[in-house]
PDB file of N, CA and C in Angstrom:
ATOM      1  N   UNK A   1      -0.613-105.537  46.307  1.00  0.00           N
ATOM      2  CA  UNK A   1       0.027-104.674  45.159  1.00  0.00           C
ATOM      3  C   UNK A   1      -0.090-105.770  44.041  1.00  0.00           C
ATOM      4  N   UNK A   2      -0.364-105.215  42.781  1.00  0.00           N
ATOM      5  CA  UNK A   2      -0.476-105.976  41.646  1.00  0.00           C
ATOM      6  C   UNK A   2       0.832-106.412  41.171  1.00  0.00           C
ATOM      7  N   UNK A   3       0.969-107.541  40.470  1.00  0.00           N
ATOM      8  CA  UNK A   3       2.175-107.974  39.928  1.00  0.00           C
ATOM      9  C   UNK A   3       2.405-107.193  38.505  1.00  0.00           C
ATOM     10  N   UNK A   4       3.645-106.545  38.452  1.00  0.00           N
ATOM     11  CA  UNK A   4       3.755-105.703  37.168  1.00  0.00           C
ATOM     12  C   UNK A   4       3.539-106.710  35.794  1.00  0.00           C
ATOM     13  N   UNK A   5       3.197-105.938  34.805  1.00  0.00           N
ATOM     14  CA  UNK A   5       3.122-106.557  33.405  1.00  0.00           C
ATOM     15  C   UNK A   5       4.472-106.147  32.755  1.00  0.00           C
ATOM     16  N   UNK A   6       5.185-107.127  32.146  1.00  0.00           N
ATOM     17  CA  UNK A   6       6.331-106.655  31.260  1.00  0.00           C
ATOM     18  C   UNK A   6       5.983-106.635  30.073  1.00  0.00           C
ATOM     19  N   UNK A   7       5.937-105.710  29.287  1.00  0.00           N
ATOM     20  CA  UNK A   7       5.568-105.610  27.827  1.00  0.00           C
ATOM     21  C   UNK A   7       6.869-105.445  26.977  1.00  0.00           C
ATOM     22  N   UNK A   8       6.995-106.200  25.852  1.00  0.00           N
ATOM     23  CA  UNK A   8       8.097-105.881  24.946  1.00  0.00           C
ATOM     24  C   UNK A   8       7.854-104.584  24.122  1.00  0.00           C
ATOM     25  N   UNK A   9       8.970-103.854  24.135  1.00  0.00           N
ATOM     26  CA  UNK A   9       8.931-102.613  23.211  1.00  0.00           C
ATOM     27  C   UNK A   9       9.835-102.671  22.052  1.00  0.00           C
ATOM     28  N   UNK A  10       9.682-102.058  21.039  1.00  0.00           N
ATOM     29  CA  UNK A  10      10.628-101.874  19.971  1.00  0.00           C
ATOM     30  C   UNK A  10      11.130-100.474  19.780  1.00  0.00           C
ATOM     31  N   UNK A  11      12.516-100.424  19.846  1.00  0.00           N
ATOM     32  CA  UNK A  11      13.142 -99.158  19.606  1.00  0.00           C
ATOM     33  C   UNK A  11      13.580 -99.044  18.318  1.00  0.00           C
ATOM     34  N   UNK A  12      13.391 -97.937  17.509  1.00  0.00           N
ATOM     35  CA  UNK A  12      13.815 -97.629  16.079  1.00  0.00           C
ATOM     36  C   UNK A  12      14.636 -96.497  16.019  1.00  0.00           C
ATOM     37  N   UNK A  13      15.864 -96.566  15.873  1.00  0.00           N
ATOM     38  CA  UNK A  13      16.728 -95.179  15.705  1.00  0.00           C
ATOM     39  C   UNK A  13      16.072 -94.295  14.785  1.00  0.00           C
ATOM     40  N   UNK A  14      15.997 -92.928  14.922  1.00  0.00           N
ATOM     41  CA  UNK A  14      15.627 -91.869  14.022  1.00  0.00           C
ATOM     42  C   UNK A  14      16.745 -90.970  13.790  1.00  0.00           C
ATOM     43  N   UNK A  15      16.398 -89.986  13.020  1.00  0.00           N
ATOM     44  CA  UNK A  15      17.406 -88.934  12.764  1.00  0.00           C
ATOM     45  C   UNK A  15      17.706 -88.185  14.108  1.00  0.00           C
ATOM     46  N   UNK A  16      16.807 -88.105  14.869  1.00  0.00           N
ATOM     47  CA  UNK A  16      16.723 -87.288  16.227  1.00  0.00           C
ATOM     48  C   UNK A  16      16.709 -88.001  17.379  1.00  0.00           C
ATOM     49  N   UNK A  17      16.781 -89.260  17.329  1.00  0.00           N
ATOM     50  CA  UNK A  17      16.742 -90.159  18.598  1.00  0.00           C
ATOM     51  C   UNK A  17      16.200 -91.339  18.506  1.00  0.00           C
ATOM     52  N   UNK A  18      15.192 -91.813  19.117  1.00  0.00           N
ATOM     53  CA  UNK A  18      14.580 -93.089  19.017  1.00  0.00           C
ATOM     54  C   UNK A  18      12.990 -93.000  19.033  1.00  0.00           C
ATOM     55  N   UNK A  19      12.421 -93.829  18.233  1.00  0.00           N
ATOM     56  CA  UNK A  19      11.057 -94.055  18.341  1.00  0.00           C
ATOM     57  C   UNK A  19      10.718 -95.397  18.892  1.00  0.00           C
ATOM     58  N   UNK A  20       9.668 -95.542  19.732  1.00  0.00           N
ATOM     59  CA  UNK A  20       9.416 -96.694  20.527  1.00  0.00           C
ATOM     60  C   UNK A  20       7.812 -96.943  20.494  1.00  0.00           C
ATOM     61  N   UNK A  21       7.630 -98.173  20.367  1.00  0.00           N
ATOM     62  CA  UNK A  21       6.166 -98.603  20.356  1.00  0.00           C
ATOM     63  C   UNK A  21       6.055-100.019  21.165  1.00  0.00           C
ATOM     64  N   UNK A  22       4.839-100.284  21.380  1.00  0.00           N
ATOM     65  CA  UNK A  22       4.633-101.671  22.098  1.00  0.00           C
ATOM     66  C   UNK A  22       3.528-102.301  21.373  1.00  0.00           C
ATOM     67  N   UNK A  23       4.132-103.428  20.766  1.00  0.00           N
ATOM     68  CA  UNK A  23       3.258-104.374  19.794  1.00  0.00           C
ATOM     69  C   UNK A  23       2.067-104.797  20.509  1.00  0.00           C
ATOM     70  N   UNK A  24       2.041-105.197  21.852  1.00  0.00           N
ATOM     71  CA  UNK A  24       0.763-105.671  22.349  1.00  0.00           C
ATOM     72  C   UNK A  24      -0.245-104.516  22.653  1.00  0.00           C
ATOM     73  N   UNK A  25       0.213-103.341  22.706  1.00  0.00           N
ATOM     74  CA  UNK A  25      -0.707-102.100  22.922  1.00  0.00           C
ATOM     75  C   UNK A  25      -0.824-101.202  21.706  1.00  0.00           C
ATOM     76  N   UNK A  26      -1.715-101.539  20.807  1.00  0.00           N
ATOM     77  CA  UNK A  26      -1.750-100.816  19.560  1.00  0.00           C
ATOM     78  C   UNK A  26      -1.968 -99.305  19.803  1.00  0.00           C
ATOM     79  N   UNK A  27      -1.206 -98.451  19.339  1.00  0.00           N
ATOM     80  CA  UNK A  27      -1.337 -96.996  19.491  1.00  0.00           C
ATOM     81  C   UNK A  27      -0.486 -96.415  20.504  1.00  0.00           C
ATOM     82  N   UNK A  28       0.104 -97.344  21.326  1.00  0.00           N
ATOM     83  CA  UNK A  28       0.924 -96.892  22.373  1.00  0.00           C
ATOM     84  C   UNK A  28       2.404 -96.608  21.820  1.00  0.00           C
ATOM     85  N   UNK A  29       2.901 -95.343  21.506  1.00  0.00           N
ATOM     86  CA  UNK A  29       4.148 -94.990  20.957  1.00  0.00           C
ATOM     87  C   UNK A  29       4.674 -93.817  21.753  1.00  0.00           C
ATOM     88  N   UNK A  30       5.902 -93.731  21.605  1.00  0.00           N
ATOM     89  CA  UNK A  30       6.614 -92.541  22.203  1.00  0.00           C
ATOM     90  C   UNK A  30       7.849 -92.441  21.455  1.00  0.00           C
ATOM     91  N   UNK A  31       8.570 -91.294  21.693  1.00  0.00           N
ATOM     92  CA  UNK A  31       9.918 -90.895  21.292  1.00  0.00           C
ATOM     93  C   UNK A  31      10.793 -90.388  22.248  1.00  0.00           C
ATOM     94  N   UNK A  32      12.029 -90.422  22.174  1.00  0.00           N
ATOM     95  CA  UNK A  32      13.011 -89.858  22.938  1.00  0.00           C
ATOM     96  C   UNK A  32      14.319 -89.428  22.240  1.00  0.00           C
ATOM     97  N   UNK A  33      15.074 -88.530  22.903  1.00  0.00           N
ATOM     98  CA  UNK A  33      16.268 -88.094  22.308  1.00  0.00           C
ATOM     99  C   UNK A  33      17.352 -89.131  22.384  1.00  0.00           C
ATOM    100  N   UNK A  34      17.268 -89.973  23.571  1.00  0.00           N
ATOM    101  CA  UNK A  34      18.166 -90.986  23.787  1.00  0.00           C
ATOM    102  C   UNK A  34      17.580 -92.349  24.101  1.00  0.00           C
ATOM    103  N   UNK A  35      18.288 -93.441  23.977  1.00  0.00           N
ATOM    104  CA  UNK A  35      17.582 -94.735  24.199  1.00  0.00           C
ATOM    105  C   UNK A  35      16.963 -94.736  25.625  1.00  0.00           C
ATOM    106  N   UNK A  36      17.640 -94.106  26.517  1.00  0.00           N
ATOM    107  CA  UNK A  36      17.152 -94.081  28.024  1.00  0.00           C
ATOM    108  C   UNK A  36      15.897 -93.320  27.961  1.00  0.00           C
ATOM    109  N   UNK A  37      15.940 -91.937  27.356  1.00  0.00           N
ATOM    110  CA  UNK A  37      14.725 -91.140  27.475  1.00  0.00           C
ATOM    111  C   UNK A  37      13.534 -91.970  26.881  1.00  0.00           C
ATOM    112  N   UNK A  38      13.829 -92.595  25.671  1.00  0.00           N
ATOM    113  CA  UNK A  38      12.697 -93.125  25.011  1.00  0.00           C
ATOM    114  C   UNK A  38      12.070 -94.217  25.820  1.00  0.00           C
ATOM    115  N   UNK A  39      12.889 -94.991  26.570  1.00  0.00           N
ATOM    116  CA  UNK A  39      12.385 -96.050  27.466  1.00  0.00           C
ATOM    117  C   UNK A  39      11.592 -95.465  28.577  1.00  0.00           C
ATOM    118  N   UNK A  40      11.982 -94.328  29.261  1.00  0.00           N
ATOM    119  CA  UNK A  40      11.339 -93.616  30.332  1.00  0.00           C
ATOM    120  C   UNK A  40      10.007 -93.196  29.692  1.00  0.00           C
ATOM    121  N   UNK A  41      10.014 -92.550  28.525  1.00  0.00           N
ATOM    122  CA  UNK A  41       8.789 -91.984  27.895  1.00  0.00           C
ATOM    123  C   UNK A  41       7.693 -93.179  27.614  1.00  0.00           C
ATOM    124  N   UNK A  42       8.192 -94.388  27.100  1.00  0.00           N
ATOM    125  CA  UNK A  42       7.235 -95.430  26.841  1.00  0.00           C
ATOM    126  C   UNK A  42       6.696 -95.881  27.969  1.00  0.00           C
ATOM    127  N   UNK A  43       7.574 -96.058  29.110  1.00  0.00           N
ATOM    128  CA  UNK A  43       7.109 -96.469  30.386  1.00  0.00           C
ATOM    129  C   UNK A  43       5.699 -95.632  30.806  1.00  0.00           C
ATOM    130  N   UNK A  44       6.017 -94.429  30.572  1.00  0.00           N
ATOM    131  CA  UNK A  44       4.809 -93.452  31.043  1.00  0.00           C
ATOM    132  C   UNK A  44       3.594 -93.610  30.205  1.00  0.00           C
ATOM    133  N   UNK A  45       4.043 -93.838  28.831  1.00  0.00           N
ATOM    134  CA  UNK A  45       2.979 -93.953  27.968  1.00  0.00           C
ATOM    135  C   UNK A  45       2.169 -95.288  28.212  1.00  0.00           C
ATOM    136  N   UNK A  46       2.989 -96.366  28.591  1.00  0.00           N
ATOM    137  CA  UNK A  46       2.231 -97.637  28.741  1.00  0.00           C
ATOM    138  C   UNK A  46       1.275 -97.474  30.010  1.00  0.00           C
ATOM    139  N   UNK A  47       1.936 -96.867  31.170  1.00  0.00           N
ATOM    140  CA  UNK A  47       0.993 -96.698  32.199  1.00  0.00           C
ATOM    141  C   UNK A  47      -0.308 -95.751  32.018  1.00  0.00           C
ATOM    142  N   UNK A  48      -0.155 -94.822  31.190  1.00  0.00           N
ATOM    143  CA  UNK A  48      -1.337 -93.914  30.705  1.00  0.00           C
ATOM    144  C   UNK A  48      -2.227 -94.740  30.016  1.00  0.00           C
ATOM    145  N   UNK A  49      -1.662 -95.526  29.156  1.00  0.00           N
ATOM    146  CA  UNK A  49      -2.581 -96.388  28.194  1.00  0.00           C
ATOM    147  C   UNK A  49      -3.415 -97.362  28.937  1.00  0.00           C
ATOM    148  N   UNK A  50      -2.674 -98.042  29.888  1.00  0.00           N
ATOM    149  CA  UNK A  50      -3.465 -98.945  30.808  1.00  0.00           C
ATOM    150  C   UNK A  50      -4.578 -98.313  31.497  1.00  0.00           C
ATOM    151  N   UNK A  51      -4.125 -97.079  32.220  1.00  0.00           N
ATOM    152  CA  UNK A  51      -5.134 -96.216  32.916  1.00  0.00           C
ATOM    153  C   UNK A  51      -6.315 -96.001  32.147  1.00  0.00           C
ATOM    154  N   UNK A  52      -6.181 -95.551  30.980  1.00  0.00           N
ATOM    155  CA  UNK A  52      -7.267 -95.281  29.962  1.00  0.00           C
ATOM    156  C   UNK A  52      -8.166 -96.480  29.706  1.00  0.00           C
ATOM    157  N   UNK A  53      -7.428 -97.522  29.420  1.00  0.00           N
ATOM    158  CA  UNK A  53      -8.244 -98.764  29.154  1.00  0.00           C
ATOM    159  C   UNK A  53      -9.091 -99.132  30.482  1.00  0.00           C
ATOM    160  N   UNK A  54      -8.432 -99.183  31.735  1.00  0.00           N
ATOM    161  CA  UNK A  54      -9.177 -99.477  32.955  1.00  0.00           C
ATOM    162  C   UNK A  54     -10.372 -98.468  33.070  1.00  0.00           C
ATOM    163  N   UNK A  55     -10.154 -97.300  32.862  1.00  0.00           N
ATOM    164  CA  UNK A  55     -11.268 -96.205  33.003  1.00  0.00           C
ATOM    165  C   UNK A  55     -12.543 -96.296  32.002  1.00  0.00           C
ATOM    166  N   UNK A  56     -12.176 -96.952  30.892  1.00  0.00           N
ATOM    167  CA  UNK A  56     -13.110 -97.202  29.930  1.00  0.00           C
ATOM    168  C   UNK A  56     -13.948 -98.494  29.974  1.00  0.00           C
ATOM    169  N   UNK A  57     -13.263 -99.405  30.879  1.00  0.00           N
ATOM    170  CA  UNK A  57     -13.806-100.815  31.115  1.00  0.00           C
ATOM    171  C   UNK A  57     -13.158-101.650  30.166  1.00  0.00           C
ATOM    172  N   UNK A  58     -12.227-101.369  29.398  1.00  0.00           N
ATOM    173  CA  UNK A  58     -11.684-102.368  28.466  1.00  0.00           C
ATOM    174  C   UNK A  58     -10.722-103.145  29.099  1.00  0.00           C
ATOM    175  N   UNK A  59     -10.486-104.482  28.672  1.00  0.00           N
ATOM    176  CA  UNK A  59      -9.441-105.393  29.246  1.00  0.00           C
ATOM    177  C   UNK A  59      -8.133-104.822  28.985  1.00  0.00           C
ATOM    178  N   UNK A  60      -7.212-105.166  29.832  1.00  0.00           N
ATOM    179  CA  UNK A  60      -5.808-104.920  29.604  1.00  0.00           C
ATOM    180  C   UNK A  60      -5.182-106.010  28.829  1.00  0.00           C
ATOM    181  N   UNK A  61      -4.564-105.802  27.546  1.00  0.00           N
ATOM    182  CA  UNK A  61      -4.098-106.926  26.893  1.00  0.00           C
ATOM    183  C   UNK A  61      -2.896-107.537  27.593  1.00  0.00           C
ATOM    184  N   UNK A  62      -2.736-108.696  27.563  1.00  0.00           N
ATOM    185  CA  UNK A  62      -1.554-109.480  28.150  1.00  0.00           C
ATOM    186  C   UNK A  62      -0.445-109.288  27.166  1.00  0.00           C
ATOM    187  N   UNK A  63       0.757-109.332  27.853  1.00  0.00           N
ATOM    188  CA  UNK A  63       1.956-109.306  27.128  1.00  0.00           C
ATOM    189  C   UNK A  63       2.179-110.635  26.481  1.00  0.00           C
ATOM    190  N   UNK A  64       2.466-110.671  25.143  1.00  0.00           N
ATOM    191  CA  UNK A  64       2.507-111.837  24.394  1.00  0.00           C
ATOM    192  C   UNK A  64       3.626-111.749  23.441  1.00  0.00           C
ATOM    193  N   UNK A  65       4.061-110.644  22.903  1.00  0.00           N
ATOM    194  CA  UNK A  65       5.065-110.576  21.897  1.00  0.00           C
ATOM    195  C   UNK A  65       6.414-110.862  22.476  1.00  0.00           C
ATOM    196  N   UNK A  66       7.169-111.775  21.841  1.00  0.00           N
ATOM    197  CA  UNK A  66       8.544-112.147  22.049  1.00  0.00           C
ATOM    198  C   UNK A  66       9.395-111.519  21.183  1.00  0.00           C
ATOM    199  N   UNK A  67      10.678-111.054  21.685  1.00  0.00           N
ATOM    200  CA  UNK A  67      11.577-110.296  20.927  1.00  0.00           C
ATOM    201  C   UNK A  67      12.905-111.074  20.878  1.00  0.00           C
ATOM    202  N   UNK A  68      13.529-111.243  19.818  1.00  0.00           N
ATOM    203  CA  UNK A  68      14.801-111.733  19.822  1.00  0.00           C
ATOM    204  C   UNK A  68      15.468-111.340  18.638  1.00  0.00           C
ATOM    205  N   UNK A  69      16.787-111.815  18.374  1.00  0.00           N
ATOM    206  CA  UNK A  69      17.491-111.389  17.268  1.00  0.00           C
ATOM    207  C   UNK A  69      18.226-112.650  16.576  1.00  0.00           C
ATOM    208  N   UNK A  70      18.340-112.492  15.280  1.00  0.00           N
ATOM    209  CA  UNK A  70      18.955-113.656  14.631  1.00  0.00           C
ATOM    210  C   UNK A  70      20.158-113.178  13.710  1.00  0.00           C
ATOM    211  N   UNK A  71      21.202-113.914  13.728  1.00  0.00           N
ATOM    212  CA  UNK A  71      22.434-113.421  12.740  1.00  0.00           C
ATOM    213  C   UNK A  71      22.377-114.089  11.462  1.00  0.00           C
ATOM    214  N   UNK A  72      22.503-113.318  10.330  1.00  0.00           N
ATOM    215  CA  UNK A  72      22.563-113.719   9.132  1.00  0.00           C
ATOM    216  C   UNK A  72      23.647-113.132   8.360  1.00  0.00           C
ATOM    217  N   UNK A  73      24.127-113.932   7.416  1.00  0.00           N
ATOM    218  CA  UNK A  73      25.481-113.570   6.711  1.00  0.00           C
ATOM    219  C   UNK A  73      24.924-112.608   5.541  1.00  0.00           C
ATOM    220  N   UNK A  74      25.445-111.397   5.408  1.00  0.00           N
ATOM    221  CA  UNK A  74      25.077-110.475   4.415  1.00  0.00           C
ATOM    222  C   UNK A  74      25.788-111.059   2.945  1.00  0.00           C
ATOM    223  N   UNK A  75      25.038-110.886   1.999  1.00  0.00           N
ATOM    224  CA  UNK A  75      25.546-111.290   0.636  1.00  0.00           C
ATOM    225  C   UNK A  75      26.572-110.444   0.117  1.00  0.00           C
TER     226      UNK A  75
END
């Protein structure tokens, strides 16, 4: 069994839910009405994206994006 790859995803609130994308997999995007749905949908999108890369003989990009938050004072 292969070791799973953990990709960072970015969730952005929208008027109808969430948009989500994977910085390390350009073009791999999804949406969901809730945060949970958006994460489920991007998981499926990542799996399909990797499947298509593998079928076409392309390399699977490594996970390299780090995500963190910083606190700043508002003026």
